Amino acid sequence: MEFPAKTFRVTRADLVQYAGASGDFNPIHWSDRFATTVGLPGVIAHGMFTMALVGRAVTEWAGAPDAVVEYGVRFTRPVVVPDDDQGTEIEVTARVREVTEDGLTRLDVTATCLGEKVLSQARATIRTAR
């Protein structure tokens, strides 16, 4: 079984708001000049912001925040956010890997940006509605 895809738009304004909330003001998240100096293709989204968006999709699929039992990812590729009003999009999909006897559903989650996977080993366990 697969869950319907969720798409999240990410703009530079989102990065500024996340930086303020998280306290992570690393210039790779707001300065093209700095980001390219350190070898990045441009300004990138905070990894934890990307993970949070994917977590939001998992929560929506689960039906409630407390239905998410476990969630984890590895960061594979940065999400480059252009300096325009459109930003970029992260698409999140999931498929059921296993349903356990005790009512848990294990998901394999995929997050892509511009057709490239940005997370690996993205997995979640949710409590199945009874």
N, C-alpha and C. Protein backbone atom coordinates (compact mmCIF):
# COMPACT_ATOMS: atom_id res chain seq x y z
N MET A 1 0.84 -1.18 0.00
CA MET A 1 0.00 0.00 0.00
C MET A 1 0.88 1.24 0.00
N GLU A 2 0.49 2.22 -0.78
CA GLU A 2 1.20 3.48 -0.83
C GLU A 2 0.29 4.60 -0.33
N PHE A 3 0.91 5.60 0.26
CA PHE A 3 0.18 6.77 0.74
C PHE A 3 0.22 7.85 -0.31
N PRO A 4 -0.78 8.74 -0.34
CA PRO A 4 -0.77 9.81 -1.34
C PRO A 4 0.42 10.75 -1.10
N ALA A 5 1.01 11.21 -2.18
CA ALA A 5 2.17 12.11 -2.08
C ALA A 5 1.77 13.43 -1.42
N LYS A 6 2.70 13.97 -0.66
CA LYS A 6 2.56 15.29 -0.05
C LYS A 6 3.68 16.15 -0.62
N THR A 7 3.36 17.36 -1.00
CA THR A 7 4.35 18.27 -1.55
C THR A 7 4.45 19.51 -0.68
N PHE A 8 5.67 19.90 -0.38
CA PHE A 8 5.94 21.08 0.45
C PHE A 8 6.83 22.05 -0.33
N ARG A 9 6.39 23.30 -0.42
CA ARG A 9 7.19 24.34 -1.06
C ARG A 9 8.11 24.93 0.01
N VAL A 10 9.37 25.15 -0.37
CA VAL A 10 10.36 25.72 0.53
C VAL A 10 10.95 26.96 -0.13
N THR A 11 10.84 28.10 0.54
CA THR A 11 11.37 29.36 0.02
C THR A 11 12.44 29.89 0.98
N ARG A 12 13.14 30.90 0.53
CA ARG A 12 14.14 31.54 1.38
C ARG A 12 13.48 32.12 2.63
N ALA A 13 12.26 32.62 2.50
CA ALA A 13 11.54 33.13 3.67
C ALA A 13 11.33 32.04 4.71
N ASP A 14 11.05 30.82 4.26
CA ASP A 14 10.90 29.69 5.19
C ASP A 14 12.21 29.44 5.94
N LEU A 15 13.33 29.55 5.23
CA LEU A 15 14.63 29.33 5.86
C LEU A 15 14.92 30.38 6.92
N VAL A 16 14.55 31.63 6.65
CA VAL A 16 14.73 32.71 7.63
C VAL A 16 13.89 32.42 8.87
N GLN A 17 12.64 32.03 8.66
CA GLN A 17 11.77 31.73 9.80
C GLN A 17 12.30 30.55 10.60
N TYR A 18 12.76 29.51 9.90
CA TYR A 18 13.30 28.34 10.60
C TYR A 18 14.56 28.71 11.37
N ALA A 19 15.42 29.53 10.77
CA ALA A 19 16.64 29.96 11.46
C ALA A 19 16.29 30.67 12.76
N GLY A 20 15.28 31.53 12.71
CA GLY A 20 14.87 32.25 13.91
C GLY A 20 14.32 31.31 14.98
N ALA A 21 13.57 30.32 14.56
CA ALA A 21 12.99 29.37 15.52
C ALA A 21 14.03 28.42 16.09
N SER A 22 14.99 28.01 15.24
CA SER A 22 15.96 27.00 15.68
C SER A 22 17.25 27.59 16.24
N GLY A 23 17.52 28.85 15.90
CA GLY A 23 18.78 29.45 16.31
C GLY A 23 19.94 29.08 15.41
N ASP A 24 19.66 28.41 14.28
CA ASP A 24 20.72 27.99 13.35
C ASP A 24 20.85 29.04 12.25
N PHE A 25 21.78 29.98 12.46
CA PHE A 25 21.98 31.06 11.50
C PHE A 25 23.22 30.83 10.63
N ASN A 26 23.59 29.58 10.42
CA ASN A 26 24.73 29.26 9.57
C ASN A 26 24.51 29.91 8.20
N PRO A 27 25.50 30.64 7.68
CA PRO A 27 25.30 31.35 6.41
C PRO A 27 25.05 30.45 5.20
N ILE A 28 25.27 29.14 5.30
CA ILE A 28 24.93 28.27 4.17
C ILE A 28 23.42 28.24 3.95
N HIS A 29 22.65 28.74 4.93
CA HIS A 29 21.20 28.74 4.82
C HIS A 29 20.64 30.09 4.38
N TRP A 30 21.53 31.08 4.11
CA TRP A 30 21.01 32.37 3.66
C TRP A 30 21.94 33.12 2.70
N SER A 31 23.20 32.74 2.59
CA SER A 31 24.14 33.48 1.74
C SER A 31 24.66 32.61 0.59
N ASP A 32 24.25 32.95 -0.63
CA ASP A 32 24.76 32.23 -1.80
C ASP A 32 26.28 32.33 -1.87
N ARG A 33 26.80 33.51 -1.60
CA ARG A 33 28.25 33.72 -1.67
C ARG A 33 28.97 32.77 -0.73
N PHE A 34 28.51 32.69 0.50
CA PHE A 34 29.16 31.81 1.47
C PHE A 34 28.96 30.34 1.09
N ALA A 35 27.74 29.98 0.73
CA ALA A 35 27.43 28.58 0.41
C ALA A 35 28.30 28.08 -0.74
N THR A 36 28.45 28.88 -1.78
CA THR A 36 29.27 28.43 -2.91
C THR A 36 30.75 28.42 -2.55
N THR A 37 31.16 29.30 -1.65
CA THR A 37 32.56 29.32 -1.21
C THR A 37 32.95 28.01 -0.53
N VAL A 38 32.00 27.40 0.18
CA VAL A 38 32.30 26.14 0.88
C VAL A 38 31.94 24.92 0.04
N GLY A 39 31.66 25.13 -1.25
CA GLY A 39 31.45 24.01 -2.15
C GLY A 39 30.02 23.57 -2.38
N LEU A 40 29.06 24.29 -1.86
CA LEU A 40 27.66 23.94 -2.08
C LEU A 40 27.17 24.61 -3.37
N PRO A 41 26.12 24.08 -3.97
CA PRO A 41 25.61 24.68 -5.21
C PRO A 41 24.86 26.00 -4.98
N GLY A 42 24.58 26.32 -3.75
CA GLY A 42 23.83 27.53 -3.39
C GLY A 42 23.31 27.36 -1.98
N VAL A 43 22.43 28.27 -1.58
CA VAL A 43 21.82 28.19 -0.26
C VAL A 43 21.02 26.90 -0.14
N ILE A 44 21.18 26.23 1.00
CA ILE A 44 20.47 24.96 1.21
C ILE A 44 19.56 25.07 2.44
N ALA A 45 18.50 24.29 2.40
CA ALA A 45 17.58 24.22 3.54
C ALA A 45 18.28 23.51 4.70
N HIS A 46 17.90 23.87 5.89
CA HIS A 46 18.37 23.19 7.09
C HIS A 46 17.94 21.72 7.01
N GLY A 47 18.83 20.82 7.32
CA GLY A 47 18.49 19.40 7.30
C GLY A 47 17.32 19.08 8.22
N MET A 48 17.33 19.68 9.40
CA MET A 48 16.25 19.40 10.35
C MET A 48 14.92 19.98 9.88
N PHE A 49 14.96 21.06 9.09
CA PHE A 49 13.73 21.61 8.52
C PHE A 49 13.16 20.62 7.50
N THR A 50 14.04 20.09 6.65
CA THR A 50 13.62 19.07 5.68
C THR A 50 13.02 17.87 6.41
N MET A 51 13.71 17.42 7.45
CA MET A 51 13.22 16.28 8.22
C MET A 51 11.86 16.60 8.85
N ALA A 52 11.67 17.82 9.32
CA ALA A 52 10.39 18.22 9.93
C ALA A 52 9.26 18.19 8.90
N LEU A 53 9.53 18.65 7.68
CA LEU A 53 8.49 18.61 6.65
C LEU A 53 8.08 17.18 6.35
N VAL A 54 9.06 16.29 6.25
CA VAL A 54 8.76 14.88 6.01
C VAL A 54 7.99 14.31 7.20
N GLY A 55 8.39 14.70 8.40
CA GLY A 55 7.67 14.27 9.60
C GLY A 55 6.22 14.76 9.61
N ARG A 56 6.00 15.95 9.06
CA ARG A 56 4.63 16.47 8.96
C ARG A 56 3.79 15.55 8.06
N ALA A 57 4.37 15.10 6.95
CA ALA A 57 3.65 14.18 6.07
C ALA A 57 3.31 12.88 6.80
N VAL A 58 4.29 12.34 7.52
CA VAL A 58 4.07 11.09 8.27
C VAL A 58 2.95 11.29 9.29
N THR A 59 2.96 12.42 9.98
CA THR A 59 1.93 12.72 10.98
C THR A 59 0.56 12.80 10.34
N GLU A 60 0.48 13.44 9.18
CA GLU A 60 -0.81 13.54 8.48
C GLU A 60 -1.30 12.16 8.06
N TRP A 61 -0.39 11.32 7.55
CA TRP A 61 -0.80 9.97 7.17
C TRP A 61 -1.24 9.16 8.39
N ALA A 62 -0.57 9.36 9.51
CA ALA A 62 -0.89 8.61 10.73
C ALA A 62 -2.22 9.08 11.34
N GLY A 63 -2.59 10.33 11.07
CA GLY A 63 -3.86 10.84 11.58
C GLY A 63 -3.75 11.65 12.85
N ALA A 64 -2.62 11.57 13.55
CA ALA A 64 -2.42 12.33 14.79
C ALA A 64 -0.95 12.27 15.18
N PRO A 65 -0.45 13.33 15.79
CA PRO A 65 0.97 13.34 16.18
C PRO A 65 1.34 12.18 17.11
N ASP A 66 0.45 11.81 18.03
CA ASP A 66 0.79 10.75 18.97
C ASP A 66 0.69 9.35 18.35
N ALA A 67 0.28 9.28 17.08
CA ALA A 67 0.25 7.98 16.39
C ALA A 67 1.59 7.65 15.75
N VAL A 68 2.52 8.62 15.74
CA VAL A 68 3.86 8.36 15.22
C VAL A 68 4.70 7.80 16.36
N VAL A 69 5.08 6.55 16.24
CA VAL A 69 5.81 5.84 17.29
C VAL A 69 7.32 6.04 17.13
N GLU A 70 7.79 6.03 15.89
CA GLU A 70 9.22 6.14 15.62
C GLU A 70 9.40 6.77 14.24
N TYR A 71 10.48 7.58 14.11
CA TYR A 71 10.75 8.24 12.84
C TYR A 71 12.23 8.57 12.79
N GLY A 72 12.87 8.23 11.67
CA GLY A 72 14.28 8.54 11.52
C GLY A 72 14.68 8.61 10.06
N VAL A 73 15.73 9.39 9.78
CA VAL A 73 16.23 9.56 8.42
C VAL A 73 17.75 9.70 8.45
N ARG A 74 18.34 9.60 7.27
CA ARG A 74 19.73 10.00 7.05
C ARG A 74 19.70 11.02 5.92
N PHE A 75 20.51 12.04 6.05
CA PHE A 75 20.56 13.09 5.05
C PHE A 75 21.47 12.67 3.91
N THR A 76 20.95 12.71 2.68
CA THR A 76 21.68 12.23 1.52
C THR A 76 22.17 13.36 0.63
N ARG A 77 21.28 14.31 0.36
CA ARG A 77 21.57 15.37 -0.60
C ARG A 77 20.91 16.65 -0.08
N PRO A 78 21.60 17.79 -0.23
CA PRO A 78 21.00 19.04 0.25
C PRO A 78 19.84 19.49 -0.62
N VAL A 79 18.93 20.22 -0.01
CA VAL A 79 17.81 20.83 -0.73
C VAL A 79 18.23 22.26 -1.04
N VAL A 80 18.54 22.52 -2.30
CA VAL A 80 18.97 23.85 -2.73
C VAL A 80 17.72 24.72 -2.91
N VAL A 81 17.75 25.91 -2.31
CA VAL A 81 16.60 26.81 -2.35
C VAL A 81 16.99 28.08 -3.13
N PRO A 82 16.45 28.26 -4.33
CA PRO A 82 16.82 29.43 -5.13
C PRO A 82 16.32 30.73 -4.51
N ASP A 83 16.96 31.81 -4.90
CA ASP A 83 16.61 33.14 -4.39
C ASP A 83 15.54 33.76 -5.29
N ASP A 84 14.35 33.20 -5.22
CA ASP A 84 13.21 33.73 -5.96
C ASP A 84 11.95 33.49 -5.14
N ASP A 85 10.82 33.90 -5.66
CA ASP A 85 9.56 33.75 -4.91
C ASP A 85 9.02 32.32 -4.95
N GLN A 86 9.51 31.51 -5.90
CA GLN A 86 9.00 30.15 -6.06
C GLN A 86 9.68 29.14 -5.14
N GLY A 87 10.96 29.34 -4.85
CA GLY A 87 11.69 28.38 -4.03
C GLY A 87 11.80 27.04 -4.74
N THR A 88 11.63 25.99 -3.98
CA THR A 88 11.69 24.63 -4.52
C THR A 88 10.62 23.80 -3.84
N GLU A 89 10.47 22.57 -4.26
CA GLU A 89 9.48 21.68 -3.66
C GLU A 89 10.13 20.38 -3.21
N ILE A 90 9.63 19.90 -2.10
CA ILE A 90 10.00 18.57 -1.60
C ILE A 90 8.76 17.71 -1.69
N GLU A 91 8.88 16.58 -2.38
CA GLU A 91 7.76 15.65 -2.49
C GLU A 91 8.05 14.45 -1.60
N VAL A 92 7.04 14.08 -0.82
CA VAL A 92 7.19 12.99 0.14
C VAL A 92 6.17 11.90 -0.18
N THR A 93 6.65 10.67 -0.28
CA THR A 93 5.79 9.52 -0.50
C THR A 93 6.17 8.44 0.52
N ALA A 94 5.29 7.49 0.69
CA ALA A 94 5.58 6.38 1.60
C ALA A 94 4.83 5.14 1.15
N ARG A 95 5.43 4.02 1.49
CA ARG A 95 4.74 2.75 1.24
C ARG A 95 4.87 1.90 2.50
N VAL A 96 3.89 1.06 2.70
CA VAL A 96 3.88 0.17 3.86
C VAL A 96 4.91 -0.92 3.64
N ARG A 97 5.81 -1.06 4.59
CA ARG A 97 6.81 -2.14 4.55
C ARG A 97 6.30 -3.35 5.30
N GLU A 98 5.58 -3.08 6.42
CA GLU A 98 5.12 -4.19 7.27
C GLU A 98 4.01 -3.70 8.20
N VAL A 99 3.07 -4.58 8.46
CA VAL A 99 2.07 -4.35 9.50
C VAL A 99 2.29 -5.43 10.55
N THR A 100 2.52 -5.02 11.77
CA THR A 100 2.84 -5.98 12.83
C THR A 100 1.56 -6.48 13.50
N GLU A 101 1.72 -7.56 14.23
CA GLU A 101 0.57 -8.14 14.93
C GLU A 101 0.06 -7.22 16.04
N ASP A 102 0.92 -6.38 16.56
CA ASP A 102 0.49 -5.49 17.66
C ASP A 102 -0.03 -4.14 17.16
N GLY A 103 -0.40 -4.05 15.87
CA GLY A 103 -1.07 -2.86 15.36
C GLY A 103 -0.17 -1.73 14.93
N LEU A 104 1.08 -2.02 14.64
CA LEU A 104 1.99 -0.98 14.15
C LEU A 104 2.21 -1.16 12.65
N THR A 105 2.33 -0.04 11.97
CA THR A 105 2.61 -0.05 10.53
C THR A 105 3.96 0.59 10.31
N ARG A 106 4.86 -0.15 9.68
CA ARG A 106 6.20 0.36 9.37
C ARG A 106 6.21 0.87 7.94
N LEU A 107 6.70 2.10 7.76
CA LEU A 107 6.71 2.75 6.46
C LEU A 107 8.13 2.97 5.96
N ASP A 108 8.30 2.82 4.67
CA ASP A 108 9.49 3.29 3.98
C ASP A 108 9.09 4.61 3.34
N VAL A 109 9.81 5.67 3.67
CA VAL A 109 9.45 7.02 3.23
C VAL A 109 10.48 7.50 2.21
N THR A 110 10.02 8.21 1.20
CA THR A 110 10.91 8.78 0.19
C THR A 110 10.65 10.27 0.11
N ALA A 111 11.73 11.05 0.14
CA ALA A 111 11.63 12.51 -0.04
C ALA A 111 12.53 12.90 -1.20
N THR A 112 11.95 13.61 -2.16
CA THR A 112 12.72 14.02 -3.33
C THR A 112 12.58 15.52 -3.56
N CYS A 113 13.60 16.08 -4.18
CA CYS A 113 13.59 17.47 -4.61
C CYS A 113 14.18 17.49 -6.01
N LEU A 114 13.44 18.02 -6.96
CA LEU A 114 13.88 18.05 -8.36
C LEU A 114 14.26 16.65 -8.85
N GLY A 115 13.49 15.65 -8.41
CA GLY A 115 13.70 14.28 -8.86
C GLY A 115 14.83 13.52 -8.18
N GLU A 116 15.52 14.16 -7.25
CA GLU A 116 16.64 13.53 -6.54
C GLU A 116 16.24 13.22 -5.10
N LYS A 117 16.60 12.02 -4.64
CA LYS A 117 16.32 11.68 -3.24
C LYS A 117 17.19 12.55 -2.33
N VAL A 118 16.56 13.15 -1.32
CA VAL A 118 17.29 14.01 -0.39
C VAL A 118 17.50 13.34 0.96
N LEU A 119 16.81 12.24 1.19
CA LEU A 119 16.96 11.47 2.43
C LEU A 119 17.14 10.00 2.07
N SER A 120 17.86 9.28 2.91
CA SER A 120 17.95 7.83 2.75
C SER A 120 17.57 7.20 4.08
N GLN A 121 17.28 5.94 4.03
CA GLN A 121 16.87 5.20 5.22
C GLN A 121 15.80 5.96 6.01
N ALA A 122 14.90 6.60 5.28
CA ALA A 122 13.80 7.32 5.92
C ALA A 122 12.71 6.31 6.24
N ARG A 123 12.49 6.14 7.51
CA ARG A 123 11.50 5.14 7.97
C ARG A 123 10.68 5.69 9.11
N ALA A 124 9.45 5.21 9.18
CA ALA A 124 8.58 5.62 10.27
C ALA A 124 7.76 4.42 10.69
N THR A 125 7.37 4.44 11.95
CA THR A 125 6.45 3.45 12.48
C THR A 125 5.27 4.22 13.05
N ILE A 126 4.08 3.86 12.60
CA ILE A 126 2.87 4.53 13.07
C ILE A 126 1.91 3.51 13.68
N ARG A 127 1.10 4.00 14.60
CA ARG A 127 0.08 3.16 15.21
C ARG A 127 -1.09 3.08 14.25
N THR A 128 -1.48 1.89 13.90
CA THR A 128 -2.58 1.66 12.98
C THR A 128 -3.91 1.91 13.68
N ALA A 129 -4.78 2.65 12.99
CA ALA A 129 -6.12 2.90 13.56
C ALA A 129 -6.86 1.58 13.69
N ARG A 130 -7.57 1.46 14.78
CA ARG A 130 -8.32 0.20 15.01
C ARG A 130 -9.79 0.37 14.80
